[in-house]
Amino acid sequence: MIRAEFFESDEKLTGFRFSGHSGYAEAGEDVACAAVSSAVQLTVNLLDALGFAPDVKVGDNVIRCKVTRPDSASDVILQQLKLHFEAVLEEFPETIHITISEV
C-alpha cells in the first residue's frame, strides 16, 4: 500500500511524504503505482519551476517534499495532487492510504 501523508499548516498544504508500493500489480505493470509516481514527479518539478524551492528528500521507496515558501498557489498545486491521489484510490481501492498531518 502507498502511504500518502500531506502536511498542512494554517489550512494550506505545505508538502507531502509518500512511501511504499500500491501492490496492485507486478513491478513494471502496476498502473496505480505509475499514476502516483508520475504525478509526484510532475508536482515536484512544477513547484520547483514556479520558484517555491521545494526541499525534496528521496530514499528507498520514499519521497518527502516540503515547500519552503508556501502560499495559496503552492497550496492549489498540492491540493490537485491530493485530488489525483483520491481519484487513483477510487479507481484502485486499497492501494493508497491518505492522511493529513498538521505541521
PDB file of N, CA and C in Angstrom:
ATOM      1  N   MET A   1       0.834  -1.179   0.000  1.00  0.00           N
ATOM      2  CA  MET A   1       0.000   0.000   0.000  1.00  0.00           C
ATOM      3  C   MET A   1       0.882   1.247   0.000  1.00  0.00           C
ATOM      4  N   ILE A   2       0.465   2.245  -0.764  1.00  0.00           N
ATOM      5  CA  ILE A   2       1.152   3.529  -0.771  1.00  0.00           C
ATOM      6  C   ILE A   2       0.621   4.341   0.403  1.00  0.00           C
ATOM      7  N   ARG A   3       1.521   4.881   1.179  1.00  0.00           N
ATOM      8  CA  ARG A   3       1.146   5.748   2.290  1.00  0.00           C
ATOM      9  C   ARG A   3       1.423   7.186   1.852  1.00  0.00           C
ATOM     10  N   ALA A   4       0.364   7.968   1.766  1.00  0.00           N
ATOM     11  CA  ALA A   4       0.462   9.359   1.335  1.00  0.00           C
ATOM     12  C   ALA A   4       0.119  10.258   2.510  1.00  0.00           C
ATOM     13  N   GLU A   5       1.113  10.971   2.991  1.00  0.00           N
ATOM     14  CA  GLU A   5       0.903  11.906   4.094  1.00  0.00           C
ATOM     15  C   GLU A   5       1.092  13.317   3.550  1.00  0.00           C
ATOM     16  N   PHE A   6       0.065  14.137   3.671  1.00  0.00           N
ATOM     17  CA  PHE A   6       0.153  15.534   3.269  1.00  0.00           C
ATOM     18  C   PHE A   6       0.350  16.376   4.514  1.00  0.00           C
ATOM     19  N   PHE A   7       1.227  17.380   4.410  1.00  0.00           N
ATOM     20  CA  PHE A   7       1.497  18.281   5.527  1.00  0.00           C
ATOM     21  C   PHE A   7       0.639  19.535   5.357  1.00  0.00           C
ATOM     22  N   GLU A   8       0.054  19.985   6.460  1.00  0.00           N
ATOM     23  CA  GLU A   8      -0.825  21.153   6.415  1.00  0.00           C
ATOM     24  C   GLU A   8      -0.447  22.128   7.516  1.00  0.00           C
ATOM     25  N   SER A   9      -0.463  23.412   7.180  1.00  0.00           N
ATOM     26  CA  SER A   9      -0.212  24.470   8.150  1.00  0.00           C
ATOM     27  C   SER A   9      -1.111  25.651   7.791  1.00  0.00           C
ATOM     28  N   ASP A  10      -1.791  26.198   8.768  1.00  0.00           N
ATOM     29  CA  ASP A  10      -2.699  27.333   8.534  1.00  0.00           C
ATOM     30  C   ASP A  10      -3.683  27.053   7.402  1.00  0.00           C
ATOM     31  N   GLU A  11      -4.221  25.848   7.400  1.00  0.00           N
ATOM     32  CA  GLU A  11      -5.227  25.411   6.426  1.00  0.00           C
ATOM     33  C   GLU A  11      -4.721  25.381   4.983  1.00  0.00           C
ATOM     34  N   LYS A  12      -3.401  25.304   4.812  1.00  0.00           N
ATOM     35  CA  LYS A  12      -2.803  25.167   3.485  1.00  0.00           C
ATOM     36  C   LYS A  12      -1.887  23.951   3.479  1.00  0.00           C
ATOM     37  N   LEU A  13      -1.907  23.206   2.381  1.00  0.00           N
ATOM     38  CA  LEU A  13      -0.959  22.106   2.235  1.00  0.00           C
ATOM     39  C   LEU A  13       0.419  22.689   1.975  1.00  0.00           C
ATOM     40  N   THR A  14       1.424  22.129   2.655  1.00  0.00           N
ATOM     41  CA  THR A  14       2.787  22.649   2.543  1.00  0.00           C
ATOM     42  C   THR A  14       3.783  21.598   2.076  1.00  0.00           C
ATOM     43  N   GLY A  15       3.325  20.373   1.866  1.00  0.00           N
ATOM     44  CA  GLY A  15       4.226  19.327   1.415  1.00  0.00           C
ATOM     45  C   GLY A  15       3.602  17.960   1.558  1.00  0.00           C
ATOM     46  N   PHE A  16       4.445  16.950   1.360  1.00  0.00           N
ATOM     47  CA  PHE A  16       3.955  15.576   1.429  1.00  0.00           C
ATOM     48  C   PHE A  16       5.098  14.611   1.682  1.00  0.00           C
ATOM     49  N   ARG A  17       4.722  13.410   2.084  1.00  0.00           N
ATOM     50  CA  ARG A  17       5.646  12.278   2.221  1.00  0.00           C
ATOM     51  C   ARG A  17       4.902  11.058   1.710  1.00  0.00           C
ATOM     52  N   PHE A  18       5.489  10.382   0.739  1.00  0.00           N
ATOM     53  CA  PHE A  18       4.889   9.173   0.182  1.00  0.00           C
ATOM     54  C   PHE A  18       5.873   8.030   0.312  1.00  0.00           C
ATOM     55  N   SER A  19       5.335   6.863   0.634  1.00  0.00           N
ATOM     56  CA  SER A  19       6.190   5.684   0.744  1.00  0.00           C
ATOM     57  C   SER A  19       5.408   4.443   0.346  1.00  0.00           C
ATOM     58  N   GLY A  20       6.148   3.392   0.029  1.00  0.00           N
ATOM     59  CA  GLY A  20       5.541   2.105  -0.264  1.00  0.00           C
ATOM     60  C   GLY A  20       5.178   1.901  -1.717  1.00  0.00           C
ATOM     61  N   HIS A  21       4.485   0.799  -1.952  1.00  0.00           N
ATOM     62  CA  HIS A  21       4.023   0.416  -3.286  1.00  0.00           C
ATOM     63  C   HIS A  21       2.543   0.074  -3.203  1.00  0.00           C
ATOM     64  N   SER A  22       1.849   0.246  -4.304  1.00  0.00           N
ATOM     65  CA  SER A  22       0.402   0.001  -4.288  1.00  0.00           C
ATOM     66  C   SER A  22       0.060  -1.474  -4.141  1.00  0.00           C
ATOM     67  N   GLY A  23       0.900  -2.347  -4.695  1.00  0.00           N
ATOM     68  CA  GLY A  23       0.609  -3.773  -4.643  1.00  0.00           C
ATOM     69  C   GLY A  23      -0.490  -4.197  -5.599  1.00  0.00           C
ATOM     70  N   TYR A  24      -0.871  -3.304  -6.505  1.00  0.00           N
ATOM     71  CA  TYR A  24      -1.952  -3.611  -7.442  1.00  0.00           C
ATOM     72  C   TYR A  24      -1.524  -4.652  -8.474  1.00  0.00           C
ATOM     73  N   ALA A  25      -0.270  -4.567  -8.922  1.00  0.00           N
ATOM     74  CA  ALA A  25       0.245  -5.497  -9.932  1.00  0.00           C
ATOM     75  C   ALA A  25       1.754  -5.627  -9.749  1.00  0.00           C
ATOM     76  N   GLU A  26       2.354  -6.483 -10.566  1.00  0.00           N
ATOM     77  CA  GLU A  26       3.802  -6.681 -10.525  1.00  0.00           C
ATOM     78  C   GLU A  26       4.525  -5.392 -10.920  1.00  0.00           C
ATOM     79  N   ALA A  27       5.747  -5.236 -10.413  1.00  0.00           N
ATOM     80  CA  ALA A  27       6.562  -4.081 -10.778  1.00  0.00           C
ATOM     81  C   ALA A  27       6.675  -3.993 -12.297  1.00  0.00           C
ATOM     82  N   GLY A  28       6.549  -2.787 -12.808  1.00  0.00           N
ATOM     83  CA  GLY A  28       6.600  -2.573 -14.246  1.00  0.00           C
ATOM     84  C   GLY A  28       5.245  -2.669 -14.923  1.00  0.00           C
ATOM     85  N   GLU A  29       4.253  -3.209 -14.217  1.00  0.00           N
ATOM     86  CA  GLU A  29       2.903  -3.334 -14.774  1.00  0.00           C
ATOM     87  C   GLU A  29       1.849  -2.722 -13.856  1.00  0.00           C
ATOM     88  N   ASP A  30       2.280  -2.056 -12.815  1.00  0.00           N
ATOM     89  CA  ASP A  30       1.377  -1.511 -11.803  1.00  0.00           C
ATOM     90  C   ASP A  30       0.937  -0.102 -12.203  1.00  0.00           C
ATOM     91  N   VAL A  31      -0.247   0.003 -12.803  1.00  0.00           N
ATOM     92  CA  VAL A  31      -0.723   1.300 -13.283  1.00  0.00           C
ATOM     93  C   VAL A  31      -1.042   2.253 -12.132  1.00  0.00           C
ATOM     94  N   ALA A  32      -1.456   1.739 -10.991  1.00  0.00           N
ATOM     95  CA  ALA A  32      -1.725   2.602  -9.837  1.00  0.00           C
ATOM     96  C   ALA A  32      -0.433   3.254  -9.361  1.00  0.00           C
ATOM     97  N   CYS A  33       0.618   2.475  -9.266  1.00  0.00           N
ATOM     98  CA  CYS A  33       1.915   3.000  -8.838  1.00  0.00           C
ATOM     99  C   CYS A  33       2.453   3.993  -9.873  1.00  0.00           C
ATOM    100  N   ALA A  34       2.285   3.693 -11.146  1.00  0.00           N
ATOM    101  CA  ALA A  34       2.738   4.592 -12.210  1.00  0.00           C
ATOM    102  C   ALA A  34       1.992   5.921 -12.155  1.00  0.00           C
ATOM    103  N   ALA A  35       0.684   5.871 -11.914  1.00  0.00           N
ATOM    104  CA  ALA A  35      -0.114   7.098 -11.830  1.00  0.00           C
ATOM    105  C   ALA A  35       0.350   7.979 -10.677  1.00  0.00           C
ATOM    106  N   VAL A  36       0.649   7.363  -9.558  1.00  0.00           N
ATOM    107  CA  VAL A  36       1.110   8.100  -8.387  1.00  0.00           C
ATOM    108  C   VAL A  36       2.513   8.650  -8.617  1.00  0.00           C
ATOM    109  N   SER A  37       3.416   7.818  -9.100  1.00  0.00           N
ATOM    110  CA  SER A  37       4.808   8.229  -9.300  1.00  0.00           C
ATOM    111  C   SER A  37       4.926   9.394 -10.270  1.00  0.00           C
ATOM    112  N   SER A  38       4.220   9.316 -11.386  1.00  0.00           N
ATOM    113  CA  SER A  38       4.314  10.393 -12.377  1.00  0.00           C
ATOM    114  C   SER A  38       3.708  11.688 -11.838  1.00  0.00           C
ATOM    115  N   ALA A  39       2.621  11.597 -11.084  1.00  0.00           N
ATOM    116  CA  ALA A  39       2.003  12.797 -10.515  1.00  0.00           C
ATOM    117  C   ALA A  39       2.917  13.449  -9.478  1.00  0.00           C
ATOM    118  N   VAL A  40       3.591  12.639  -8.681  1.00  0.00           N
ATOM    119  CA  VAL A  40       4.519  13.171  -7.678  1.00  0.00           C
ATOM    120  C   VAL A  40       5.673  13.886  -8.363  1.00  0.00           C
ATOM    121  N   GLN A  41       6.245  13.255  -9.383  1.00  0.00           N
ATOM    122  CA  GLN A  41       7.368  13.871 -10.087  1.00  0.00           C
ATOM    123  C   GLN A  41       6.940  15.174 -10.760  1.00  0.00           C
ATOM    124  N   LEU A  42       5.787  15.180 -11.394  1.00  0.00           N
ATOM    125  CA  LEU A  42       5.274  16.393 -12.025  1.00  0.00           C
ATOM    126  C   LEU A  42       5.071  17.499 -10.988  1.00  0.00           C
ATOM    127  N   THR A  43       4.519  17.158  -9.841  1.00  0.00           N
ATOM    128  CA  THR A  43       4.269  18.151  -8.793  1.00  0.00           C
ATOM    129  C   THR A  43       5.565  18.764  -8.286  1.00  0.00           C
ATOM    130  N   VAL A  44       6.560  17.942  -8.009  1.00  0.00           N
ATOM    131  CA  VAL A  44       7.854  18.449  -7.537  1.00  0.00           C
ATOM    132  C   VAL A  44       8.473  19.360  -8.593  1.00  0.00           C
ATOM    133  N   ASN A  45       8.450  18.927  -9.848  1.00  0.00           N
ATOM    134  CA  ASN A  45       9.026  19.742 -10.922  1.00  0.00           C
ATOM    135  C   ASN A  45       8.278  21.060 -11.086  1.00  0.00           C
ATOM    136  N   LEU A  46       6.961  21.029 -10.988  1.00  0.00           N
ATOM    137  CA  LEU A  46       6.153  22.241 -11.107  1.00  0.00           C
ATOM    138  C   LEU A  46       6.437  23.211  -9.961  1.00  0.00           C
ATOM    139  N   LEU A  47       6.494  22.697  -8.743  1.00  0.00           N
ATOM    140  CA  LEU A  47       6.814  23.551  -7.598  1.00  0.00           C
ATOM    141  C   LEU A  47       8.182  24.200  -7.767  1.00  0.00           C
ATOM    142  N   ASP A  48       9.145  23.443  -8.262  1.00  0.00           N
ATOM    143  CA  ASP A  48      10.490  23.966  -8.484  1.00  0.00           C
ATOM    144  C   ASP A  48      10.489  25.018  -9.593  1.00  0.00           C
ATOM    145  N   ALA A  49       9.841  24.722 -10.705  1.00  0.00           N
ATOM    146  CA  ALA A  49       9.819  25.643 -11.841  1.00  0.00           C
ATOM    147  C   ALA A  49       9.141  26.970 -11.497  1.00  0.00           C
ATOM    148  N   LEU A  50       8.173  26.927 -10.594  1.00  0.00           N
ATOM    149  CA  LEU A  50       7.452  28.145 -10.215  1.00  0.00           C
ATOM    150  C   LEU A  50       8.100  28.890  -9.046  1.00  0.00           C
ATOM    151  N   GLY A  51       9.278  28.428  -8.618  1.00  0.00           N
ATOM    152  CA  GLY A  51      10.051  29.159  -7.625  1.00  0.00           C
ATOM    153  C   GLY A  51       9.698  28.911  -6.176  1.00  0.00           C
ATOM    154  N   PHE A  52       9.024  27.801  -5.881  1.00  0.00           N
ATOM    155  CA  PHE A  52       8.664  27.510  -4.499  1.00  0.00           C
ATOM    156  C   PHE A  52       9.784  26.823  -3.724  1.00  0.00           C
ATOM    157  N   ALA A  53      10.895  26.558  -4.377  1.00  0.00           N
ATOM    158  CA  ALA A  53      12.074  25.981  -3.732  1.00  0.00           C
ATOM    159  C   ALA A  53      11.728  24.795  -2.839  1.00  0.00           C
ATOM    160  N   PRO A  54      11.144  23.731  -3.409  1.00  0.00           N
ATOM    161  CA  PRO A  54      10.793  22.587  -2.566  1.00  0.00           C
ATOM    162  C   PRO A  54      12.037  21.896  -2.013  1.00  0.00           C
ATOM    163  N   ASP A  55      11.970  21.535  -0.752  1.00  0.00           N
ATOM    164  CA  ASP A  55      13.018  20.744  -0.107  1.00  0.00           C
ATOM    165  C   ASP A  55      12.615  19.286  -0.303  1.00  0.00           C
ATOM    166  N   VAL A  56      13.353  18.580  -1.159  1.00  0.00           N
ATOM    167  CA  VAL A  56      12.978  17.221  -1.543  1.00  0.00           C
ATOM    168  C   VAL A  56      14.030  16.236  -1.055  1.00  0.00           C
ATOM    169  N   LYS A  57      13.566  15.184  -0.417  1.00  0.00           N
ATOM    170  CA  LYS A  57      14.433  14.089   0.023  1.00  0.00           C
ATOM    171  C   LYS A  57      13.879  12.805  -0.572  1.00  0.00           C
ATOM    172  N   VAL A  58      14.749  12.029  -1.212  1.00  0.00           N
ATOM    173  CA  VAL A  58      14.334  10.776  -1.842  1.00  0.00           C
ATOM    174  C   VAL A  58      15.141   9.642  -1.231  1.00  0.00           C
ATOM    175  N   GLY A  59      14.450   8.586  -0.843  1.00  0.00           N
ATOM    176  CA  GLY A  59      15.097   7.400  -0.306  1.00  0.00           C
ATOM    177  C   GLY A  59      14.541   6.166  -0.979  1.00  0.00           C
ATOM    178  N   ASP A  60      14.811   5.023  -0.404  1.00  0.00           N
ATOM    179  CA  ASP A  60      14.321   3.762  -0.946  1.00  0.00           C
ATOM    180  C   ASP A  60      12.813   3.675  -0.722  1.00  0.00           C
ATOM    181  N   ASN A  61      12.043   3.795  -1.788  1.00  0.00           N
ATOM    182  CA  ASN A  61      10.571   3.732  -1.741  1.00  0.00           C
ATOM    183  C   ASN A  61       9.935   4.846  -0.924  1.00  0.00           C
ATOM    184  N   VAL A  62      10.606   5.993  -0.816  1.00  0.00           N
ATOM    185  CA  VAL A  62      10.036   7.119  -0.078  1.00  0.00           C
ATOM    186  C   VAL A  62      10.478   8.439  -0.710  1.00  0.00           C
ATOM    187  N   ILE A  63       9.580   9.409  -0.728  1.00  0.00           N
ATOM    188  CA  ILE A  63       9.916  10.770  -1.138  1.00  0.00           C
ATOM    189  C   ILE A  63       9.210  11.728  -0.196  1.00  0.00           C
ATOM    190  N   ARG A  64       9.938  12.759   0.193  1.00  0.00           N
ATOM    191  CA  ARG A  64       9.378  13.800   1.048  1.00  0.00           C
ATOM    192  C   ARG A  64       9.630  15.128   0.360  1.00  0.00           C
ATOM    193  N   CYS A  65       8.626  15.969   0.330  1.00  0.00           N
ATOM    194  CA  CYS A  65       8.730  17.286  -0.294  1.00  0.00           C
ATOM    195  C   CYS A  65       8.076  18.301   0.623  1.00  0.00           C
ATOM    196  N   LYS A  66       8.827  19.336   0.980  1.00  0.00           N
ATOM    197  CA  LYS A  66       8.270  20.430   1.783  1.00  0.00           C
ATOM    198  C   LYS A  66       8.521  21.727   1.025  1.00  0.00           C
ATOM    199  N   VAL A  67       7.471  22.505   0.864  1.00  0.00           N
ATOM    200  CA  VAL A  67       7.589  23.796   0.196  1.00  0.00           C
ATOM    201  C   VAL A  67       8.175  24.784   1.198  1.00  0.00           C
ATOM    202  N   THR A  68       9.296  25.406   0.829  1.00  0.00           N
ATOM    203  CA  THR A  68       9.970  26.305   1.765  1.00  0.00           C
ATOM    204  C   THR A  68       9.301  27.672   1.844  1.00  0.00           C
ATOM    205  N   ARG A  69       8.584  28.044   0.772  1.00  0.00           N
ATOM    206  CA  ARG A  69       7.874  29.326   0.765  1.00  0.00           C
ATOM    207  C   ARG A  69       6.426  29.100   0.313  1.00  0.00           C
ATOM    208  N   PRO A  70       5.620  28.441   1.147  1.00  0.00           N
ATOM    209  CA  PRO A  70       4.252  28.121   0.722  1.00  0.00           C
ATOM    210  C   PRO A  70       3.370  29.368   0.623  1.00  0.00           C
ATOM    211  N   ASP A  71       2.451  29.331  -0.319  1.00  0.00           N
ATOM    212  CA  ASP A  71       1.423  30.365  -0.432  1.00  0.00           C
ATOM    213  C   ASP A  71       0.182  29.734  -1.052  1.00  0.00           C
ATOM    214  N   SER A  72      -0.777  30.545  -1.430  1.00  0.00           N
ATOM    215  CA  SER A  72      -2.027  29.989  -1.957  1.00  0.00           C
ATOM    216  C   SER A  72      -1.816  29.242  -3.271  1.00  0.00           C
ATOM    217  N   ALA A  73      -0.864  29.670  -4.089  1.00  0.00           N
ATOM    218  CA  ALA A  73      -0.605  28.976  -5.358  1.00  0.00           C
ATOM    219  C   ALA A  73       0.006  27.593  -5.122  1.00  0.00           C
ATOM    220  N   SER A  74       0.958  27.493  -4.208  1.00  0.00           N
ATOM    221  CA  SER A  74       1.542  26.177  -3.922  1.00  0.00           C
ATOM    222  C   SER A  74       0.496  25.269  -3.287  1.00  0.00           C
ATOM    223  N   ASP A  75      -0.401  25.852  -2.497  1.00  0.00           N
ATOM    224  CA  ASP A  75      -1.492  25.077  -1.908  1.00  0.00           C
ATOM    225  C   ASP A  75      -2.380  24.488  -3.001  1.00  0.00           C
ATOM    226  N   VAL A  76      -2.699  25.270  -4.019  1.00  0.00           N
ATOM    227  CA  VAL A  76      -3.530  24.776  -5.125  1.00  0.00           C
ATOM    228  C   VAL A  76      -2.847  23.599  -5.814  1.00  0.00           C
ATOM    229  N   ILE A  77      -1.557  23.709  -6.059  1.00  0.00           N
ATOM    230  CA  ILE A  77      -0.810  22.625  -6.708  1.00  0.00           C
ATOM    231  C   ILE A  77      -0.881  21.359  -5.858  1.00  0.00           C
ATOM    232  N   LEU A  78      -0.636  21.491  -4.567  1.00  0.00           N
ATOM    233  CA  LEU A  78      -0.650  20.327  -3.683  1.00  0.00           C
ATOM    234  C   LEU A  78      -2.063  19.777  -3.495  1.00  0.00           C
ATOM    235  N   GLN A  79      -3.061  20.646  -3.493  1.00  0.00           N
ATOM    236  CA  GLN A  79      -4.449  20.171  -3.411  1.00  0.00           C
ATOM    237  C   GLN A  79      -4.801  19.335  -4.644  1.00  0.00           C
ATOM    238  N   GLN A  80      -4.289  19.741  -5.800  1.00  0.00           N
ATOM    239  CA  GLN A  80      -4.559  18.979  -7.019  1.00  0.00           C
ATOM    240  C   GLN A  80      -3.887  17.609  -6.970  1.00  0.00           C
ATOM    241  N   LEU A  81      -2.688  17.552  -6.392  1.00  0.00           N
ATOM    242  CA  LEU A  81      -2.029  16.255  -6.215  1.00  0.00           C
ATOM    243  C   LEU A  81      -2.871  15.370  -5.295  1.00  0.00           C
ATOM    244  N   LYS A  82      -3.375  15.941  -4.226  1.00  0.00           N
ATOM    245  CA  LYS A  82      -4.231  15.184  -3.301  1.00  0.00           C
ATOM    246  C   LYS A  82      -5.488  14.686  -4.014  1.00  0.00           C
ATOM    247  N   LEU A  83      -6.115  15.529  -4.822  1.00  0.00           N
ATOM    248  CA  LEU A  83      -7.290  15.112  -5.596  1.00  0.00           C
ATOM    249  C   LEU A  83      -6.950  13.973  -6.551  1.00  0.00           C
ATOM    250  N   HIS A  84      -5.779  14.053  -7.158  1.00  0.00           N
ATOM    251  CA  HIS A  84      -5.331  12.984  -8.057  1.00  0.00           C
ATOM    252  C   HIS A  84      -5.200  11.673  -7.284  1.00  0.00           C
ATOM    253  N   PHE A  85      -4.601  11.737  -6.106  1.00  0.00           N
ATOM    254  CA  PHE A  85      -4.452  10.532  -5.286  1.00  0.00           C
ATOM    255  C   PHE A  85      -5.811   9.967  -4.900  1.00  0.00           C
ATOM    256  N   GLU A  86      -6.751  10.842  -4.574  1.00  0.00           N
ATOM    257  CA  GLU A  86      -8.097  10.383  -4.228  1.00  0.00           C
ATOM    258  C   GLU A  86      -8.773   9.710  -5.423  1.00  0.00           C
ATOM    259  N   ALA A  87      -8.527  10.221  -6.627  1.00  0.00           N
ATOM    260  CA  ALA A  87      -9.087   9.606  -7.837  1.00  0.00           C
ATOM    261  C   ALA A  87      -8.463   8.240  -8.091  1.00  0.00           C
ATOM    262  N   VAL A  88      -7.157   8.123  -7.883  1.00  0.00           N
ATOM    263  CA  VAL A  88      -6.489   6.826  -8.039  1.00  0.00           C
ATOM    264  C   VAL A  88      -7.051   5.845  -7.020  1.00  0.00           C
ATOM    265  N   LEU A  89      -7.234   6.298  -5.792  1.00  0.00           N
ATOM    266  CA  LEU A  89      -7.787   5.440  -4.742  1.00  0.00           C
ATOM    267  C   LEU A  89      -9.197   4.973  -5.099  1.00  0.00           C
ATOM    268  N   GLU A  90      -9.993   5.852  -5.683  1.00  0.00           N
ATOM    269  CA  GLU A  90     -11.345   5.476  -6.087  1.00  0.00           C
ATOM    270  C   GLU A  90     -11.312   4.418  -7.190  1.00  0.00           C
ATOM    271  N   GLU A  91     -10.385   4.579  -8.119  1.00  0.00           N
ATOM    272  CA  GLU A  91     -10.267   3.631  -9.238  1.00  0.00           C
ATOM    273  C   GLU A  91      -9.624   2.310  -8.802  1.00  0.00           C
ATOM    274  N   PHE A  92      -8.665   2.405  -7.885  1.00  0.00           N
ATOM    275  CA  PHE A  92      -7.927   1.229  -7.421  1.00  0.00           C
ATOM    276  C   PHE A  92      -8.008   1.161  -5.894  1.00  0.00           C
ATOM    277  N   PRO A  93      -9.137   0.688  -5.359  1.00  0.00           N
ATOM    278  CA  PRO A  93      -9.329   0.654  -3.903  1.00  0.00           C
ATOM    279  C   PRO A  93      -8.218  -0.124  -3.182  1.00  0.00           C
ATOM    280  N   GLU A  94      -7.943   0.303  -1.981  1.00  0.00           N
ATOM    281  CA  GLU A  94      -6.969  -0.349  -1.098  1.00  0.00           C
ATOM    282  C   GLU A  94      -5.537  -0.292  -1.615  1.00  0.00           C
ATOM    283  N   THR A  95      -5.225   0.708  -2.452  1.00  0.00           N
ATOM    284  CA  THR A  95      -3.853   0.865  -2.925  1.00  0.00           C
ATOM    285  C   THR A  95      -3.148   2.035  -2.252  1.00  0.00           C
ATOM    286  N   ILE A  96      -3.923   2.969  -1.700  1.00  0.00           N
ATOM    287  CA  ILE A  96      -3.356   4.185  -1.108  1.00  0.00           C
ATOM    288  C   ILE A  96      -4.047   4.474   0.226  1.00  0.00           C
ATOM    289  N   HIS A  97      -3.249   4.877   1.196  1.00  0.00           N
ATOM    290  CA  HIS A  97      -3.784   5.363   2.473  1.00  0.00           C
ATOM    291  C   HIS A  97      -3.363   6.830   2.578  1.00  0.00           C
ATOM    292  N   ILE A  98      -4.331   7.737   2.634  1.00  0.00           N
ATOM    293  CA  ILE A  98      -4.065   9.176   2.637  1.00  0.00           C
ATOM    294  C   ILE A  98      -4.328   9.747   4.027  1.00  0.00           C
ATOM    295  N   THR A  99      -3.350  10.511   4.533  1.00  0.00           N
ATOM    296  CA  THR A  99      -3.524  11.206   5.808  1.00  0.00           C
ATOM    297  C   THR A  99      -3.089  12.662   5.656  1.00  0.00           C
ATOM    298  N   ILE A 100      -3.598  13.496   6.545  1.00  0.00           N
ATOM    299  CA  ILE A 100      -3.204  14.905   6.620  1.00  0.00           C
ATOM    300  C   ILE A 100      -2.610  15.123   8.005  1.00  0.00           C
ATOM    301  N   SER A 101      -1.404  15.696   8.056  1.00  0.00           N
ATOM    302  CA  SER A 101      -0.743  15.973   9.337  1.00  0.00           C
ATOM    303  C   SER A 101      -0.538  17.472   9.492  1.00  0.00           C
ATOM    304  N   GLU A 102      -0.957  17.989  10.624  1.00  0.00           N
ATOM    305  CA  GLU A 102      -0.731  19.403  10.931  1.00  0.00           C
ATOM    306  C   GLU A 102       0.735  19.585  11.308  1.00  0.00           C
ATOM    307  N   VAL A 103       1.381  20.573  10.695  1.00  0.00           N
ATOM    308  CA  VAL A 103       2.795  20.846  10.994  1.00  0.00           C
ATOM    309  C   VAL A 103       2.969  22.263  11.488  1.00  0.00           C
TER     310      VAL A 103
END
